[in-house]
Amino acid sequence: MKTAKELLMGYLENIGNPDVQIELFAEDAVFELPYLASLGIPARWEGREVLYNFLSNLPKTFPGFKFKNIEIHIDTPDQAFGEYEATAVIASNGKDYAQHYMGRVVAENGKIKLIREALNMVPVVRDIKGIAVN
């Protein structure tokens, strides 16, 4: 049975490969990016089918999306917390995308029950939404 850290690392290392990633998630898993809600963007996905669609859409929306500089700060059997960076291209406008994430995974029975990520909203507003940020 996988620990929360192993599940988080599996998710990060297999970004762009939803067929592998989805096997890490429980049937009733939840994925949250809560700060997206402040921009009117959906911020919660629940259930494997919905998560699979979300994970499958990521490479189309952000070609070349990869996580790097992964640091795990909390590692218990059922919870892990880490920080990581991502780079990609924004498909809709061709701009480079660089992001810093923080993520928490809650594991249950060797599967991801919850993944909750925080991200820097400035690149989202500036580079994706096209709003000037001073």
Protein backbone atom coordinates (compact mmCIF):
# COMPACT_ATOMS: atom_id res chain seq x y z
CA MET A 1 0.00 0.00 0.00
CA LYS A 2 1.40 3.40 -1.01
CA THR A 3 2.07 6.17 1.47
CA ALA A 4 0.90 9.74 0.95
CA LYS A 5 4.41 10.78 -0.13
CA GLU A 6 4.61 7.97 -2.68
CA LEU A 7 1.21 8.98 -4.04
CA LEU A 8 2.17 12.66 -4.25
CA MET A 9 5.42 11.79 -6.02
CA GLY A 10 3.55 9.46 -8.38
CA TYR A 11 1.13 12.24 -9.25
CA LEU A 12 3.92 14.77 -9.83
CA GLU A 13 6.23 12.47 -11.77
CA ASN A 14 3.45 11.29 -14.08
CA ILE A 15 1.93 14.67 -14.91
CA GLY A 16 0.75 14.55 -18.51
CA ASN A 17 0.04 10.82 -18.28
CA PRO A 18 -3.54 10.62 -16.97
CA ASP A 19 -3.79 6.86 -17.48
CA VAL A 20 -1.06 6.34 -14.89
CA GLN A 21 -2.14 9.19 -12.62
CA ILE A 22 -5.77 8.13 -12.30
CA GLU A 23 -4.73 4.79 -10.81
CA LEU A 24 -3.37 6.71 -7.81
CA PHE A 25 -6.80 8.13 -6.93
CA ALA A 26 -9.61 6.63 -4.85
CA GLU A 27 -13.04 6.30 -6.51
CA ASP A 28 -14.37 9.25 -4.49
CA ALA A 29 -11.17 11.34 -4.60
CA VAL A 30 -11.25 15.12 -4.62
CA PHE A 31 -8.83 17.52 -6.32
CA GLU A 32 -8.90 21.16 -5.24
CA LEU A 33 -7.20 24.34 -6.45
CA PRO A 34 -9.17 26.65 -4.13
CA TYR A 35 -7.66 29.98 -5.19
CA LEU A 36 -8.92 29.56 -8.76
CA ALA A 37 -12.42 30.24 -7.43
CA SER A 38 -11.42 33.88 -6.81
CA LEU A 39 -11.21 34.25 -10.62
CA GLY A 40 -14.47 32.48 -11.31
CA ILE A 41 -12.61 29.36 -12.51
CA PRO A 42 -13.78 25.92 -11.31
CA ALA A 43 -11.68 24.94 -8.31
CA ARG A 44 -12.90 21.46 -7.28
CA TRP A 45 -13.16 18.17 -9.11
CA GLU A 46 -14.60 15.03 -7.52
CA GLY A 47 -14.69 11.38 -8.56
CA ARG A 48 -12.36 9.41 -10.80
CA GLU A 49 -14.17 10.06 -14.08
CA VAL A 50 -14.19 13.83 -13.50
CA LEU A 51 -10.56 13.73 -12.33
CA TYR A 52 -9.52 11.73 -15.37
CA ASN A 53 -11.06 14.35 -17.67
CA PHE A 54 -9.31 17.13 -15.71
CA LEU A 55 -5.95 15.35 -15.82
CA SER A 56 -6.38 14.55 -19.53
CA ASN A 57 -7.09 18.19 -20.36
CA LEU A 58 -3.94 19.52 -18.68
CA PRO A 59 -1.48 18.55 -21.47
CA LYS A 60 -3.78 20.13 -24.05
CA THR A 61 -4.13 23.37 -22.08
CA PHE A 62 -0.46 23.51 -20.99
CA PRO A 63 1.78 21.64 -23.47
CA GLY A 64 5.03 20.48 -21.93
CA PHE A 65 3.72 20.82 -18.35
CA LYS A 66 6.32 19.35 -15.99
CA PHE A 67 6.96 19.58 -12.26
CA LYS A 68 10.49 20.23 -10.99
CA ASN A 69 12.33 21.26 -7.82
CA ILE A 70 10.10 19.04 -5.70
CA GLU A 71 10.57 19.40 -1.93
CA ILE A 72 8.54 17.27 0.48
CA HIS A 73 8.17 18.99 3.85
CA ILE A 74 5.69 16.73 5.61
CA ASP A 75 5.72 12.96 5.20
CA THR A 76 3.42 10.74 7.24
CA PRO A 77 1.74 7.54 6.05
CA ASP A 78 -1.58 9.30 5.41
CA GLN A 79 -0.55 12.90 4.65
CA ALA A 80 2.18 14.58 2.65
CA PHE A 81 2.88 18.22 1.91
CA GLY A 82 5.32 19.55 -0.63
CA GLU A 83 6.33 22.50 -2.75
CA TYR A 84 7.13 22.24 -6.43
CA GLU A 85 7.49 24.34 -9.53
CA ALA A 86 5.97 23.84 -12.95
CA THR A 87 6.81 25.05 -16.41
CA ALA A 88 4.80 24.79 -19.61
CA VAL A 89 3.42 26.77 -22.53
CA ILE A 90 -0.10 28.21 -22.42
CA ALA A 91 -1.82 26.69 -25.45
CA SER A 92 -4.32 29.52 -25.87
CA ASN A 93 -1.72 32.28 -26.26
CA GLY A 94 1.73 30.66 -26.63
CA LYS A 95 3.13 32.36 -23.50
CA ASP A 96 5.51 30.59 -21.17
CA TYR A 97 3.96 29.45 -17.91
CA ALA A 98 6.01 29.27 -14.72
CA GLN A 99 4.33 28.47 -11.43
CA HIS A 100 5.08 27.66 -7.81
CA TYR A 101 2.71 25.19 -6.16
CA MET A 102 2.19 23.86 -2.66
CA GLY A 103 0.27 20.62 -2.39
CA ARG A 104 -1.20 18.44 0.32
CA VAL A 105 -2.19 14.83 -0.27
CA VAL A 106 -4.41 12.85 2.05
CA ALA A 107 -4.12 9.10 1.51
CA GLU A 108 -6.66 6.45 2.41
CA ASN A 109 -6.18 2.74 1.76
CA GLY A 110 -3.13 3.43 -0.44
CA LYS A 111 -4.95 5.88 -2.76
CA ILE A 112 -5.24 9.65 -2.99
CA LYS A 113 -8.41 10.71 -1.19
CA LEU A 114 -7.65 14.44 -1.48
CA ILE A 115 -5.12 16.57 -3.24
CA ARG A 116 -5.30 20.28 -2.51
CA GLU A 117 -2.91 22.63 -4.25
CA ALA A 118 -2.20 26.32 -3.77
CA LEU A 119 -0.60 28.37 -6.51
CA ASN A 120 0.66 31.86 -7.19
CA MET A 121 -2.30 33.66 -8.74
CA VAL A 122 -0.19 36.41 -10.37
CA PRO A 123 0.91 34.25 -13.33
CA VAL A 124 -2.66 33.01 -13.72
CA VAL A 125 -4.06 36.53 -13.86
CA ARG A 126 -1.22 38.01 -15.92
CA ASP A 127 -0.40 35.23 -18.36
CA ILE A 128 -3.60 33.22 -18.71
CA LYS A 129 -6.39 35.71 -18.04
CA GLY A 130 -4.44 38.60 -19.64
CA ILE A 131 -5.02 41.10 -16.85
CA ALA A 132 -2.27 43.67 -16.12
CA VAL A 133 -0.63 43.13 -12.74
CA ASN A 134 1.48 45.89 -11.22
